[in-house]
Protein backbone atom coordinates (compact mmCIF):
# COMPACT_ATOMS: atom_id res chain seq x y z
CA MET A 1 0.00 0.00 0.00
CA VAL A 2 1.27 3.48 -0.91
CA ASP A 3 1.98 5.89 1.93
CA VAL A 4 1.77 9.66 1.99
CA LEU A 5 4.83 11.71 2.91
CA THR A 6 4.19 14.89 4.89
CA ASP A 7 6.09 17.11 7.29
CA LEU A 8 5.49 17.07 11.04
CA ALA A 9 4.17 20.64 11.24
CA THR A 10 1.52 20.00 8.58
CA ALA A 11 0.35 16.79 10.24
CA GLN A 12 0.27 18.31 13.72
CA SER A 13 -1.64 21.36 12.49
CA LEU A 14 -4.23 19.09 10.89
CA ALA A 15 -4.59 17.05 14.09
CA GLU A 16 -4.98 20.18 16.20
CA ARG A 17 -7.67 21.60 13.91
CA LEU A 18 -9.65 18.37 14.03
CA LEU A 19 -9.48 18.29 17.82
CA VAL A 20 -10.46 21.94 18.19
CA THR A 21 -13.39 21.37 15.84
CA ALA A 22 -14.44 18.52 18.17
CA GLY A 23 -14.58 20.97 21.08
CA VAL A 24 -11.10 20.56 22.57
CA PRO A 25 -9.54 23.82 23.83
CA ALA A 26 -6.52 24.82 21.74
CA PRO A 27 -3.84 24.19 24.42
CA ALA A 28 -5.22 20.70 25.12
CA ALA A 29 -5.51 20.00 21.39
CA ALA A 30 -1.83 20.91 21.02
CA GLN A 31 -0.87 18.49 23.82
CA GLN A 32 -2.86 15.62 22.34
CA ALA A 33 -1.61 16.28 18.82
CA GLU A 34 2.00 16.54 19.98
CA LEU A 35 1.80 13.11 21.61
CA LEU A 36 0.45 11.56 18.40
CA LEU A 37 3.06 13.21 16.18
CA VAL A 38 5.98 12.41 18.46
CA ALA A 39 4.93 8.76 18.18
CA GLU A 40 4.78 9.02 14.39
CA ALA A 41 8.17 10.73 14.24
CA LYS A 42 9.79 8.12 16.47
CA GLY A 43 8.53 5.28 14.30
CA VAL A 44 5.63 4.16 16.49
CA PRO A 45 2.62 4.68 14.16
CA SER A 46 0.54 2.30 16.29
CA HIS A 47 0.32 5.12 18.84
CA GLY A 48 0.21 7.96 16.32
CA LEU A 49 -2.41 9.41 13.99
CA LEU A 50 -3.99 5.98 13.65
CA ARG A 51 -5.57 6.71 17.04
CA LEU A 52 -7.08 10.06 16.04
CA PRO A 53 -10.24 9.04 14.13
CA ARG A 54 -11.33 6.81 17.02
CA LEU A 55 -10.62 9.58 19.52
CA LEU A 56 -12.69 12.03 17.46
CA ARG A 57 -15.57 9.57 17.46
CA ARG A 58 -15.25 9.22 21.24
CA LEU A 59 -15.37 12.99 21.61
CA GLY A 60 -18.39 13.12 19.35
CA ASN A 61 -20.42 10.52 21.23
CA GLY A 62 -19.47 11.62 24.74
CA THR A 63 -17.29 8.69 25.77
CA ALA A 64 -14.37 11.15 25.97
CA SER A 65 -14.56 14.66 27.38
CA PRO A 66 -12.94 17.49 25.41
CA THR A 67 -12.53 19.73 28.46
CA ASN A 68 -12.05 17.65 31.63
CA THR A 69 -8.49 17.63 32.98
CA GLY A 70 -8.91 15.36 36.01
CA LYS A 71 -10.02 15.69 39.61
CA HIS A 72 -7.11 15.57 42.09
CA GLU A 73 -7.20 14.13 45.60
CA TRP A 74 -4.03 13.94 47.71
CA LEU A 75 -4.25 10.76 49.81
CA SER A 76 -0.96 11.68 51.49
CA PRO A 77 1.73 14.33 50.94
CA CYS A 78 3.30 12.09 48.29
CA TYR A 79 0.35 10.13 46.85
CA LEU A 80 -1.99 11.77 44.33
CA SER A 81 -5.15 9.99 43.23
CA VAL A 82 -6.71 11.30 40.02
CA ASP A 83 -10.15 10.73 38.56
CA GLY A 84 -9.56 11.49 34.90
CA GLU A 85 -13.25 12.19 34.32
CA GLN A 86 -12.85 10.69 30.81
CA GLY A 87 -10.58 13.54 29.73
CA LEU A 88 -7.94 13.25 27.02
CA GLY A 89 -5.18 10.87 28.13
CA PRO A 90 -2.14 13.14 27.78
CA VAL A 91 -3.96 16.22 29.07
CA VAL A 92 -4.99 14.46 32.29
CA ALA A 93 -1.66 12.67 32.76
CA LEU A 94 0.60 15.67 32.12
CA ARG A 95 -1.40 17.85 34.52
CA ALA A 96 -1.15 15.13 37.17
CA LEU A 97 2.59 14.68 36.67
CA GLU A 98 3.22 18.41 36.94
CA ALA A 99 1.43 18.32 40.30
CA VAL A 100 3.47 15.35 41.52
CA VAL A 101 6.99 16.56 40.59
CA PRO A 102 7.30 18.97 43.55
CA ALA A 103 6.23 16.19 45.94
CA ALA A 104 8.90 13.87 44.52
CA GLU A 105 11.53 16.57 44.87
CA ARG A 106 10.45 17.25 48.47
CA HIS A 107 9.97 13.68 49.72
CA GLY A 108 12.23 11.69 47.41
CA VAL A 109 9.36 9.67 45.95
CA ALA A 110 5.80 10.42 44.89
CA VAL A 111 3.08 8.33 43.32
CA CYS A 112 0.25 9.27 40.98
CA SER A 113 -2.57 6.82 40.22
CA ILE A 114 -5.13 7.66 37.54
CA THR A 115 -8.48 6.12 36.67
CA ASN A 116 -11.19 6.97 34.13
CA ASN A 117 -8.64 8.40 31.72
CA ASN A 118 -8.49 7.93 27.98
CA HIS A 119 -5.60 6.29 26.13
CA LEU A 120 -2.21 7.66 27.19
CA GLY A 121 -0.50 6.92 23.91
CA MET A 122 3.24 6.31 23.88
CA LEU A 123 4.17 5.78 27.54
CA GLY A 124 7.82 6.73 27.01
CA PHE A 125 6.67 10.25 26.14
CA TYR A 126 5.88 10.86 29.82
CA ALA A 127 8.92 9.04 31.21
CA GLY A 128 11.23 11.06 28.98
CA ARG A 129 9.59 14.35 29.87
CA MET A 130 9.90 13.68 33.59
CA ALA A 131 13.53 12.58 33.22
CA GLU A 132 14.23 15.88 31.47
CA ARG A 133 12.82 17.54 34.61
CA GLY A 134 15.48 15.72 36.66
CA VAL A 135 13.42 12.92 38.25
CA VAL A 136 13.34 9.20 37.61
CA CYS A 137 9.96 8.08 36.28
CA LEU A 138 8.33 4.66 36.19
CA GLY A 139 5.14 4.64 34.14
CA MET A 140 2.66 1.76 33.87
CA THR A 141 -0.77 1.35 32.35
CA THR A 142 -3.21 -1.47 31.64
CA SER A 143 -5.26 -2.23 28.56
CA GLU A 144 -8.05 -4.38 27.21
CA ALA A 145 -7.51 -8.15 27.40
CA LEU A 146 -5.34 -8.62 24.30
CA VAL A 147 -2.60 -11.03 25.38
CA HIS A 148 -2.86 -14.76 25.97
CA PRO A 149 -1.12 -16.27 29.01
CA TRP A 150 2.00 -18.35 28.52
CA GLY A 151 0.64 -21.74 27.58
CA GLY A 152 -2.83 -20.31 26.85
CA THR A 153 -4.81 -19.34 23.77
CA GLU A 154 -7.32 -16.73 24.99
CA ALA A 155 -6.84 -12.98 25.41
CA ILE A 156 -6.91 -12.52 29.19
CA LEU A 157 -4.14 -10.01 29.95
CA GLY A 158 -3.51 -6.46 28.83
CA THR A 159 -0.38 -5.47 26.92
CA ASN A 160 0.49 -3.71 30.20
CA PRO A 161 3.45 -1.58 29.08
CA LEU A 162 6.23 -0.24 31.26
CA ALA A 163 8.21 2.96 30.69
CA LEU A 164 11.33 4.08 32.52
CA GLY A 165 13.01 7.48 32.33
CA VAL A 166 16.35 8.23 34.01
CA PRO A 167 17.99 11.69 33.92
CA ALA A 168 21.27 11.79 31.97
CA GLN A 169 23.23 14.10 29.68
CA PRO A 170 22.96 14.91 26.88
CA HIS A 171 19.77 12.83 26.74
CA PRO A 172 17.88 10.80 29.35
CA LEU A 173 17.65 7.04 29.27
CA VAL A 174 14.12 6.17 28.10
CA LEU A 175 12.87 2.58 28.00
CA ASP A 176 9.36 1.99 26.66
CA MET A 177 8.14 -1.56 26.23
CA ALA A 178 4.93 -3.53 26.17
CA THR A 179 4.89 -6.89 27.91
CA SER A 180 3.42 -8.36 24.73
CA GLN A 181 5.34 -9.19 21.55
CA VAL A 182 3.71 -6.13 19.93
CA SER A 183 0.97 -3.65 20.76
CA MET A 184 -2.52 -4.19 19.36
CA GLY A 185 -2.08 -0.75 17.79
CA LYS A 186 0.79 -2.21 15.74
CA VAL A 187 -1.47 -5.05 14.64
CA HIS A 188 -4.04 -2.48 13.54
CA ASP A 189 -1.35 -0.51 11.72
CA HIS A 190 -0.26 -3.65 9.85
CA ALA A 191 -3.89 -4.35 8.94
CA LEU A 192 -4.31 -0.80 7.66
CA ARG A 193 -1.19 -1.08 5.49
CA GLY A 194 -1.88 -4.66 4.38
CA VAL A 195 1.41 -5.90 5.86
CA PRO A 196 1.61 -9.40 7.40
CA LEU A 197 2.69 -9.89 11.00
CA GLU A 198 5.89 -11.62 12.03
CA PRO A 199 5.50 -15.31 12.95
CA GLY A 200 5.01 -15.81 16.67
CA TRP A 201 3.36 -12.45 17.28
CA ALA A 202 -0.28 -13.51 17.47
CA LEU A 203 -2.98 -16.17 17.47
CA ASP A 204 -6.32 -16.05 15.67
CA ALA A 205 -9.70 -16.37 17.42
CA ALA A 206 -9.42 -20.16 17.37
CA GLY A 207 -6.04 -20.05 19.11
CA ASN A 208 -3.99 -20.89 16.01
CA PRO A 209 -0.78 -19.02 15.08
CA THR A 210 -1.39 -16.39 12.39
CA VAL A 211 0.47 -13.72 10.44
CA ASP A 212 -2.80 -12.19 9.19
CA PRO A 213 -3.27 -8.90 11.08
CA VAL A 214 -7.02 -8.89 10.44
CA ALA A 215 -7.36 -12.35 12.00
CA ALA A 216 -5.09 -11.30 14.87
CA LYS A 217 -7.39 -8.37 15.69
CA CYS A 218 -10.00 -10.94 16.69
CA GLY A 219 -7.53 -13.23 18.43
CA SER A 220 -4.71 -12.61 20.90
CA ILE A 221 -1.11 -11.40 21.07
CA ALA A 222 1.72 -13.45 22.51
CA PRO A 223 3.57 -12.30 25.65
CA PHE A 224 7.17 -11.31 24.95
CA GLY A 225 9.94 -13.55 26.23
CA GLY A 226 7.72 -16.52 26.95
CA ALA A 227 6.95 -17.19 30.60
CA LYS A 228 9.05 -14.25 31.82
CA GLY A 229 7.14 -11.68 29.77
CA TYR A 230 3.86 -13.28 30.80
CA GLY A 231 4.84 -13.06 34.46
CA LEU A 232 5.95 -9.44 34.16
CA GLY A 233 2.78 -8.43 32.33
CA LEU A 234 0.57 -10.19 34.86
CA GLY A 235 2.47 -8.64 37.77
CA LEU A 236 2.30 -5.13 36.37
CA GLY A 237 -1.39 -5.49 35.60
CA ALA A 238 -2.13 -6.76 39.09
CA MET A 239 -0.13 -3.95 40.71
CA VAL A 240 -1.72 -1.15 38.68
CA THR A 241 -5.20 -2.57 39.26
CA PHE A 242 -4.58 -2.96 43.00
CA LEU A 243 -3.34 0.63 43.40
CA THR A 244 -5.83 2.36 41.11
CA GLY A 245 -8.96 0.27 41.66
CA ALA A 246 -9.47 0.16 37.89
CA ALA A 247 -11.03 -2.68 35.93
CA TYR A 248 -8.91 -5.67 35.00
CA GLY A 249 -8.78 -8.46 32.43
CA THR A 250 -11.74 -8.87 30.12
CA ALA A 251 -13.67 -6.11 31.93
CA VAL A 252 -11.35 -3.38 30.57
CA GLY A 253 -12.55 -1.28 27.64
CA GLY A 254 -12.43 2.14 26.10
CA THR A 255 -9.06 2.45 24.36
CA LEU A 256 -9.65 0.32 21.25
CA ASP A 257 -13.36 1.11 20.82
CA ASP A 258 -15.45 4.25 20.59
CA THR A 259 -18.49 3.08 22.54
CA ARG A 260 -17.38 2.45 26.14
CA PRO A 261 -15.92 4.75 28.80
CA SER A 262 -12.26 4.03 29.43
CA ASN A 263 -11.84 2.10 32.69
CA LYS A 264 -8.18 1.02 32.67
CA GLY A 265 -5.64 2.26 35.22
CA ASP A 266 -2.48 4.39 34.93
CA LEU A 267 0.31 4.57 37.50
CA PHE A 268 3.36 6.82 37.68
CA ILE A 269 6.11 6.68 40.30
CA LEU A 270 8.53 9.62 40.43
CA MET A 271 11.80 9.46 42.35
CA SER A 272 14.37 12.13 43.12
CA GLY A 273 17.77 11.66 44.70
CA GLY A 274 21.38 12.71 44.86
CA GLY A 275 23.04 9.59 43.52
CA HIS A 276 25.50 9.21 40.67
CA SER A 277 24.58 10.60 37.27
CA ALA A 278 23.72 7.95 34.72
CA SER A 279 25.55 9.84 31.96
CA GLU A 280 28.97 8.23 32.48
CA TYR A 281 27.43 4.78 32.82
CA LEU A 282 25.49 5.16 29.55
CA ASP A 283 28.65 6.38 27.80
CA GLN A 284 30.47 3.25 29.00
CA VAL A 285 27.72 1.07 27.57
CA ARG A 286 27.70 2.92 24.25
CA GLY A 287 31.49 2.69 24.09
CA SER A 288 31.64 -1.04 24.72
CA ARG A 289 32.78 -3.42 21.98
CA PRO A 290 29.98 -4.12 19.49
CA ALA A 291 29.28 -7.47 17.86
CA ASP A 292 29.22 -5.67 14.50
CA PRO A 293 31.96 -3.00 14.15
CA GLY A 294 29.65 -1.04 11.86
CA ALA A 295 26.84 -0.92 14.40
CA PRO A 296 27.85 0.77 17.68
CA VAL A 297 26.12 -0.32 20.89
CA ALA A 298 23.08 1.83 21.71
CA VAL A 299 20.96 2.30 24.81
CA PRO A 300 17.16 2.51 24.98
CA GLY A 301 15.94 5.77 23.49
CA ASP A 302 18.86 6.25 21.07
CA GLY A 303 17.06 4.71 18.12
CA ALA A 304 13.81 6.58 18.74
CA ARG A 305 15.69 9.87 19.01
CA ALA A 306 17.53 9.22 15.73
CA ARG A 307 14.24 8.40 14.00
CA TYR A 308 12.70 11.59 15.37
CA GLN A 309 15.54 13.70 13.98
CA GLU A 310 15.20 11.96 10.63
CA SER A 311 11.46 12.70 10.61
CA VAL A 312 12.04 16.36 11.44
CA ALA A 313 14.41 16.61 8.49
CA HIS A 314 12.56 14.51 5.92
CA GLY A 315 8.94 14.12 7.07
CA ILE A 316 6.79 11.16 8.08
CA GLU A 317 4.96 8.52 6.06
CA ILE A 318 1.25 8.08 6.80
CA ALA A 319 -0.89 5.30 5.34
CA ASP A 320 -2.76 6.81 2.39
CA GLU A 321 -6.14 5.52 3.61
CA LEU A 322 -5.62 7.17 7.02
CA TRP A 323 -4.43 10.45 5.51
CA ARG A 324 -7.48 10.60 3.25
CA GLU A 325 -9.76 9.94 6.21
CA LEU A 326 -8.17 12.71 8.29
CA THR A 327 -8.14 15.32 5.54
CA ALA A 328 -11.78 14.51 4.70
CA LEU A 329 -12.68 15.29 8.32
CA ASP A 330 -11.03 18.72 8.10
CA THR A 331 -14.06 20.93 7.43
CA THR A 332 -12.58 24.23 8.66
CA GLN A 333 -13.40 26.81 6.06
CA ASP A 334 -10.15 28.73 6.36
CA ALA A 335 -7.90 25.66 6.49
CA ALA A 336 -5.60 25.15 3.56
CA GLN A 337 -5.57 21.60 2.25
CA PRO A 338 -2.56 19.92 3.92
CA GLU A 339 0.20 19.34 1.41
CA ALA A 340 1.51 15.84 1.05
CA VAL A 341 3.13 13.68 -1.60
CA LEU A 342 3.09 9.96 -2.25
CA ALA A 343 6.07 8.26 -0.70
CA GLU A 344 8.15 6.20 -3.10
């Protein structure tokens, strides 16, 4: 399938206009659009503009609020509980994190649990931003039941990703990983582009291995790393659910559909301290002997940052079908038609 090549500014402007038209205040629209475009630029289209049409439908039918930013309740001086009130995921989460940073700096550690919040998008976005503020960040969230247990065939677990941000110079260490082989968003992206999955990624509805992304959408994703990934995903899901009181397992909904309120849980732990800087350690790792002399050793976040810089310089490729859908939704009378070209 042919993709469309466009620059980041054009794509973000389009996303912001669509969100504002749906009733989202301009500053919040900019936050939501930035999250989507950072994902696109870093090579994570599963958490990029692919999510926007569904979000617009949720705003239109009332399952997402364009204006709510979350209700805060401090359970202790270093524990913030947030009712997201079905607001936009990044708007609610970023406001909560800004409130928690001073508590982490004052007490050494602070926790923020969030319920009733829409899809957060790329979890590393938040971990990296907090690390740039000088605090370590652990971010966790749950999802619909999309992953089968190790040795099982049914979707019972969420993809339950984990993000870690550690301050360092010139760039923080940012790890962002699902506990599944891939995200369901990536499966949807492959289906949209007509690209088969890798073997071992997913099962169909009958529990049989499949590389057909359309069949996988109705089936389940494999946990990464066999039993270890399954155990980590289950543990993270149980912890987030215990601390947030959110729904779990097959009761979770609202991030891959446009009909149900979002009832998953989000958890962020911020830590501040006076220990050694990670910069020298990361430089040692990068400078270690590579297996391939032409491919230096990298640390988590290096590849995503390089892809982002490449996207800033040369643009991003969007599936033609998705681009057509988004531009067709742009009914602003004074909006110029976004310029784009077919990618070779």
